[in-house]
Amino acid sequence: SALTTKYLQRSVHHSVTELNEGITEWAEAWNKNPKPFIWTKSADEIFASMQKYLGPSVSEQTSD
């Protein structure tokens, strides 16, 4: 997400080579001062929000 929002959307590249070099430079700079991802929801909250896309889970299905 950070690559997209902080680099790709704010830059212009005139070739694939230039884009690759830019991404590599950005990643190296980002990795010198990494910021950990912090989960703000529990696994249960994440699965509940995904339920509308995934349908009922295997444990919730009934067999005939």
PDB file of N, CA and C in Angstrom:
ATOM      1  N   SER A   1       0.828  -1.188   0.000  1.00  0.00           N
ATOM      2  CA  SER A   1       0.000   0.000   0.000  1.00  0.00           C
ATOM      3  C   SER A   1       0.874   1.253   0.000  1.00  0.00           C
ATOM      4  N   ALA A   2       1.907   1.241   0.799  1.00  0.00           N
ATOM      5  CA  ALA A   2       2.769   2.420   0.874  1.00  0.00           C
ATOM      6  C   ALA A   2       3.442   2.675  -0.472  1.00  0.00           C
ATOM      7  N   LEU A   3       3.852   1.622  -1.144  1.00  0.00           N
ATOM      8  CA  LEU A   3       4.479   1.782  -2.456  1.00  0.00           C
ATOM      9  C   LEU A   3       3.512   2.475  -3.409  1.00  0.00           C
ATOM     10  N   THR A   4       2.272   2.050  -3.403  1.00  0.00           N
ATOM     11  CA  THR A   4       1.278   2.641  -4.301  1.00  0.00           C
ATOM     12  C   THR A   4       0.971   4.078  -3.919  1.00  0.00           C
ATOM     13  N   THR A   5       0.648   4.307  -2.650  1.00  0.00           N
ATOM     14  CA  THR A   5       0.193   5.635  -2.244  1.00  0.00           C
ATOM     15  C   THR A   5       1.325   6.649  -2.116  1.00  0.00           C
ATOM     16  N   LYS A   6       2.491   6.210  -1.729  1.00  0.00           N
ATOM     17  CA  LYS A   6       3.568   7.168  -1.466  1.00  0.00           C
ATOM     18  C   LYS A   6       4.579   7.291  -2.597  1.00  0.00           C
ATOM     19  N   TYR A   7       4.524   6.381  -3.559  1.00  0.00           N
ATOM     20  CA  TYR A   7       5.508   6.487  -4.628  1.00  0.00           C
ATOM     21  C   TYR A   7       4.869   6.477  -6.015  1.00  0.00           C
ATOM     22  N   LEU A   8       4.159   5.422  -6.351  1.00  0.00           N
ATOM     23  CA  LEU A   8       3.667   5.281  -7.714  1.00  0.00           C
ATOM     24  C   LEU A   8       2.661   6.353  -8.114  1.00  0.00           C
ATOM     25  N   GLN A   9       1.778   6.746  -7.213  1.00  0.00           N
ATOM     26  CA  GLN A   9       0.775   7.742  -7.555  1.00  0.00           C
ATOM     27  C   GLN A   9       1.363   9.159  -7.624  1.00  0.00           C
ATOM     28  N   ARG A  10       2.540   9.352  -7.073  1.00  0.00           N
ATOM     29  CA  ARG A  10       3.130  10.690  -7.016  1.00  0.00           C
ATOM     30  C   ARG A  10       4.336  10.847  -7.935  1.00  0.00           C
ATOM     31  N   SER A  11       4.503   9.922  -8.872  1.00  0.00           N
ATOM     32  CA  SER A  11       5.687  10.008  -9.710  1.00  0.00           C
ATOM     33  C   SER A  11       5.340   9.733 -11.173  1.00  0.00           C
ATOM     34  N   VAL A  12       6.271  10.099 -12.049  1.00  0.00           N
ATOM     35  CA  VAL A  12       6.110   9.885 -13.484  1.00  0.00           C
ATOM     36  C   VAL A  12       7.321   9.102 -13.974  1.00  0.00           C
ATOM     37  N   HIS A  13       7.067   8.075 -14.773  1.00  0.00           N
ATOM     38  CA  HIS A  13       8.147   7.270 -15.333  1.00  0.00           C
ATOM     39  C   HIS A  13       7.958   7.191 -16.839  1.00  0.00           C
ATOM     40  N   HIS A  14       9.048   7.285 -17.557  1.00  0.00           N
ATOM     41  CA  HIS A  14       8.981   7.308 -19.014  1.00  0.00           C
ATOM     42  C   HIS A  14       9.352   5.973 -19.643  1.00  0.00           C
ATOM     43  N   SER A  15       9.730   4.994 -18.824  1.00  0.00           N
ATOM     44  CA  SER A  15      10.039   3.665 -19.344  1.00  0.00           C
ATOM     45  C   SER A  15       9.903   2.650 -18.226  1.00  0.00           C
ATOM     46  N   VAL A  16       9.826   1.391 -18.614  1.00  0.00           N
ATOM     47  CA  VAL A  16       9.740   0.317 -17.619  1.00  0.00           C
ATOM     48  C   VAL A  16      11.041   0.253 -16.821  1.00  0.00           C
ATOM     49  N   THR A  17      12.147   0.472 -17.474  1.00  0.00           N
ATOM     50  CA  THR A  17      13.446   0.470 -16.787  1.00  0.00           C
ATOM     51  C   THR A  17      13.489   1.558 -15.722  1.00  0.00           C
ATOM     52  N   GLU A  18      13.019   2.738 -16.075  1.00  0.00           N
ATOM     53  CA  GLU A  18      12.992   3.850 -15.124  1.00  0.00           C
ATOM     54  C   GLU A  18      12.066   3.531 -13.946  1.00  0.00           C
ATOM     55  N   LEU A  19      10.936   2.905 -14.230  1.00  0.00           N
ATOM     56  CA  LEU A  19      10.009   2.503 -13.175  1.00  0.00           C
ATOM     57  C   LEU A  19      10.657   1.479 -12.248  1.00  0.00           C
ATOM     58  N   ASN A  20      11.299   0.461 -12.819  1.00  0.00           N
ATOM     59  CA  ASN A  20      11.971  -0.557 -12.005  1.00  0.00           C
ATOM     60  C   ASN A  20      13.052   0.046 -11.121  1.00  0.00           C
ATOM     61  N   GLU A  21      13.842   0.927 -11.676  1.00  0.00           N
ATOM     62  CA  GLU A  21      14.897   1.579 -10.892  1.00  0.00           C
ATOM     63  C   GLU A  21      14.297   2.426  -9.768  1.00  0.00           C
ATOM     64  N   GLY A  22      13.231   3.135 -10.083  1.00  0.00           N
ATOM     65  CA  GLY A  22      12.571   3.965  -9.071  1.00  0.00           C
ATOM     66  C   GLY A  22      11.995   3.136  -7.935  1.00  0.00           C
ATOM     67  N   ILE A  23      11.355   2.019  -8.274  1.00  0.00           N
ATOM     68  CA  ILE A  23      10.799   1.146  -7.241  1.00  0.00           C
ATOM     69  C   ILE A  23      11.907   0.579  -6.362  1.00  0.00           C
ATOM     70  N   THR A  24      12.994   0.158  -6.991  1.00  0.00           N
ATOM     71  CA  THR A  24      14.122  -0.400  -6.228  1.00  0.00           C
ATOM     72  C   THR A  24      14.701   0.647  -5.279  1.00  0.00           C
ATOM     73  N   GLU A  25      14.914   1.857  -5.760  1.00  0.00           N
ATOM     74  CA  GLU A  25      15.441   2.924  -4.905  1.00  0.00           C
ATOM     75  C   GLU A  25      14.481   3.241  -3.763  1.00  0.00           C
ATOM     76  N   TRP A  26      13.177   3.306  -4.076  1.00  0.00           N
ATOM     77  CA  TRP A  26      12.182   3.598  -3.047  1.00  0.00           C
ATOM     78  C   TRP A  26      12.178   2.500  -1.984  1.00  0.00           C
ATOM     79  N   ALA A  27      12.205   1.237  -2.412  1.00  0.00           N
ATOM     80  CA  ALA A  27      12.177   0.114  -1.470  1.00  0.00           C
ATOM     81  C   ALA A  27      13.416   0.111  -0.578  1.00  0.00           C
ATOM     82  N   GLU A  28      14.563   0.393  -1.142  1.00  0.00           N
ATOM     83  CA  GLU A  28      15.789   0.438  -0.338  1.00  0.00           C
ATOM     84  C   GLU A  28      15.704   1.543   0.714  1.00  0.00           C
ATOM     85  N   ALA A  29      15.211   2.700   0.328  1.00  0.00           N
ATOM     86  CA  ALA A  29      15.072   3.807   1.282  1.00  0.00           C
ATOM     87  C   ALA A  29      14.021   3.465   2.348  1.00  0.00           C
ATOM     88  N   TRP A  30      12.913   2.874   1.933  1.00  0.00           N
ATOM     89  CA  TRP A  30      11.842   2.496   2.867  1.00  0.00           C
ATOM     90  C   TRP A  30      12.347   1.458   3.870  1.00  0.00           C
ATOM     91  N   ASN A  31      13.138   0.498   3.408  1.00  0.00           N
ATOM     92  CA  ASN A  31      13.634  -0.578   4.272  1.00  0.00           C
ATOM     93  C   ASN A  31      14.682  -0.101   5.276  1.00  0.00           C
ATOM     94  N   LYS A  32      15.280   1.051   5.039  1.00  0.00           N
ATOM     95  CA  LYS A  32      16.225   1.599   6.018  1.00  0.00           C
ATOM     96  C   LYS A  32      15.506   2.064   7.274  1.00  0.00           C
ATOM     97  N   ASN A  33      14.230   2.411   7.151  1.00  0.00           N
ATOM     98  CA  ASN A  33      13.434   2.859   8.283  1.00  0.00           C
ATOM     99  C   ASN A  33      12.033   2.238   8.179  1.00  0.00           C
ATOM    100  N   PRO A  34      11.945   0.912   8.346  1.00  0.00           N
ATOM    101  CA  PRO A  34      10.654   0.240   8.160  1.00  0.00           C
ATOM    102  C   PRO A  34       9.658   0.587   9.262  1.00  0.00           C
ATOM    103  N   LYS A  35       8.389   0.553   8.881  1.00  0.00           N
ATOM    104  CA  LYS A  35       7.312   0.792   9.836  1.00  0.00           C
ATOM    105  C   LYS A  35       6.462  -0.480   9.893  1.00  0.00           C
ATOM    106  N   PRO A  36       6.323  -1.079  11.065  1.00  0.00           N
ATOM    107  CA  PRO A  36       5.583  -2.341  11.144  1.00  0.00           C
ATOM    108  C   PRO A  36       4.094  -2.138  10.870  1.00  0.00           C
ATOM    109  N   PHE A  37       3.476  -3.168  10.291  1.00  0.00           N
ATOM    110  CA  PHE A  37       2.037  -3.145  10.084  1.00  0.00           C
ATOM    111  C   PHE A  37       1.379  -3.513  11.403  1.00  0.00           C
ATOM    112  N   ILE A  38       0.398  -2.741  11.813  1.00  0.00           N
ATOM    113  CA  ILE A  38      -0.294  -2.991  13.076  1.00  0.00           C
ATOM    114  C   ILE A  38      -1.738  -3.350  12.776  1.00  0.00           C
ATOM    115  N   TRP A  39      -2.134  -4.557  13.170  1.00  0.00           N
ATOM    116  CA  TRP A  39      -3.510  -5.005  12.972  1.00  0.00           C
ATOM    117  C   TRP A  39      -4.427  -4.205  13.894  1.00  0.00           C
ATOM    118  N   THR A  40      -5.519  -3.714  13.343  1.00  0.00           N
ATOM    119  CA  THR A  40      -6.470  -2.962  14.150  1.00  0.00           C
ATOM    120  C   THR A  40      -7.748  -3.744  14.397  1.00  0.00           C
ATOM    121  N   LYS A  41      -7.903  -4.892  13.734  1.00  0.00           N
ATOM    122  CA  LYS A  41      -9.071  -5.742  13.936  1.00  0.00           C
ATOM    123  C   LYS A  41      -8.615  -7.142  14.298  1.00  0.00           C
ATOM    124  N   SER A  42      -9.482  -7.857  15.003  1.00  0.00           N
ATOM    125  CA  SER A  42      -9.183  -9.249  15.325  1.00  0.00           C
ATOM    126  C   SER A  42      -9.466 -10.112  14.091  1.00  0.00           C
ATOM    127  N   ALA A  43      -8.978 -11.328  14.112  1.00  0.00           N
ATOM    128  CA  ALA A  43      -9.237 -12.253  13.010  1.00  0.00           C
ATOM    129  C   ALA A  43     -10.740 -12.473  12.845  1.00  0.00           C
ATOM    130  N   ASP A  44     -11.467 -12.589  13.945  1.00  0.00           N
ATOM    131  CA  ASP A  44     -12.918 -12.783  13.867  1.00  0.00           C
ATOM    132  C   ASP A  44     -13.603 -11.606  13.168  1.00  0.00           C
ATOM    133  N   GLU A  45     -13.159 -10.391  13.449  1.00  0.00           N
ATOM    134  CA  GLU A  45     -13.742  -9.213  12.798  1.00  0.00           C
ATOM    135  C   GLU A  45     -13.438  -9.201  11.300  1.00  0.00           C
ATOM    136  N   ILE A  46     -12.239  -9.600  10.942  1.00  0.00           N
ATOM    137  CA  ILE A  46     -11.859  -9.640   9.533  1.00  0.00           C
ATOM    138  C   ILE A  46     -12.678 -10.688   8.796  1.00  0.00           C
ATOM    139  N   PHE A  47     -12.804 -11.891   9.381  1.00  0.00           N
ATOM    140  CA  PHE A  47     -13.587 -12.945   8.735  1.00  0.00           C
ATOM    141  C   PHE A  47     -15.054 -12.560   8.628  1.00  0.00           C
ATOM    142  N   ALA A  48     -15.579 -11.892   9.629  1.00  0.00           N
ATOM    143  CA  ALA A  48     -16.976 -11.466   9.595  1.00  0.00           C
ATOM    144  C   ALA A  48     -17.197 -10.471   8.455  1.00  0.00           C
ATOM    145  N   SER A  49     -16.270  -9.560   8.250  1.00  0.00           N
ATOM    146  CA  SER A  49     -16.432  -8.580   7.179  1.00  0.00           C
ATOM    147  C   SER A  49     -16.249  -9.220   5.800  1.00  0.00           C
ATOM    148  N   MET A  50     -15.512 -10.317   5.719  1.00  0.00           N
ATOM    149  CA  MET A  50     -15.301 -11.019   4.459  1.00  0.00           C
ATOM    150  C   MET A  50     -16.440 -11.968   4.132  1.00  0.00           C
ATOM    151  N   GLN A  51     -17.283 -12.258   5.088  1.00  0.00           N
ATOM    152  CA  GLN A  51     -18.327 -13.248   4.921  1.00  0.00           C
ATOM    153  C   GLN A  51     -19.221 -12.964   3.718  1.00  0.00           C
ATOM    154  N   LYS A  52     -19.554 -11.717   3.463  1.00  0.00           N
ATOM    155  CA  LYS A  52     -20.439 -11.397   2.343  1.00  0.00           C
ATOM    156  C   LYS A  52     -19.796 -11.718   0.996  1.00  0.00           C
ATOM    157  N   TYR A  53     -18.468 -11.753   0.935  1.00  0.00           N
ATOM    158  CA  TYR A  53     -17.773 -12.078  -0.300  1.00  0.00           C
ATOM    159  C   TYR A  53     -17.500 -13.571  -0.434  1.00  0.00           C
ATOM    160  N   LEU A  54     -17.269 -14.238   0.697  1.00  0.00           N
ATOM    161  CA  LEU A  54     -16.875 -15.640   0.677  1.00  0.00           C
ATOM    162  C   LEU A  54     -18.034 -16.604   0.815  1.00  0.00           C
ATOM    163  N   GLY A  55     -19.148 -16.148   1.337  1.00  0.00           N
ATOM    164  CA  GLY A  55     -20.267 -17.039   1.587  1.00  0.00           C
ATOM    165  C   GLY A  55     -20.057 -17.765   2.900  1.00  0.00           C
ATOM    166  N   PRO A  56     -20.959 -18.694   3.217  1.00  0.00           N
ATOM    167  CA  PRO A  56     -20.834 -19.404   4.499  1.00  0.00           C
ATOM    168  C   PRO A  56     -19.562 -20.253   4.548  1.00  0.00           C
ATOM    169  N   SER A  57     -18.963 -20.319   5.706  1.00  0.00           N
ATOM    170  CA  SER A  57     -17.761 -21.123   5.862  1.00  0.00           C
ATOM    171  C   SER A  57     -18.119 -22.597   5.897  1.00  0.00           C
ATOM    172  N   VAL A  58     -17.148 -23.434   5.762  1.00  0.00           N
ATOM    173  CA  VAL A  58     -17.377 -24.878   5.747  1.00  0.00           C
ATOM    174  C   VAL A  58     -18.022 -25.327   7.049  1.00  0.00           C
ATOM    175  N   SER A  59     -17.601 -24.757   8.165  1.00  0.00           N
ATOM    176  CA  SER A  59     -18.143 -25.173   9.457  1.00  0.00           C
ATOM    177  C   SER A  59     -19.598 -24.743   9.639  1.00  0.00           C
ATOM    178  N   GLU A  60     -20.030 -23.721   8.880  1.00  0.00           N
ATOM    179  CA  GLU A  60     -21.386 -23.243   9.009  1.00  0.00           C
ATOM    180  C   GLU A  60     -22.353 -23.942   8.052  1.00  0.00           C
ATOM    181  N   GLN A  61     -21.830 -24.700   7.083  1.00  0.00           N
ATOM    182  CA  GLN A  61     -22.688 -25.384   6.121  1.00  0.00           C
ATOM    183  C   GLN A  61     -23.311 -26.606   6.772  1.00  0.00           C
ATOM    184  N   THR A  62     -24.527 -26.881   6.391  1.00  0.00           N
ATOM    185  CA  THR A  62     -25.206 -28.070   6.912  1.00  0.00           C
ATOM    186  C   THR A  62     -25.208 -29.142   5.838  1.00  0.00           C
ATOM    187  N   SER A  63     -25.131 -30.364   6.247  1.00  0.00           N
ATOM    188  CA  SER A  63     -25.154 -31.470   5.279  1.00  0.00           C
ATOM    189  C   SER A  63     -26.527 -32.120   5.314  1.00  0.00           C
ATOM    190  N   ASP A  64     -26.976 -32.614   4.176  1.00  0.00           N
ATOM    191  CA  ASP A  64     -28.301 -33.238   4.069  1.00  0.00           C
ATOM    192  C   ASP A  64     -28.233 -34.730   4.329  1.00  0.00           C
TER     193      ASP A  64
END
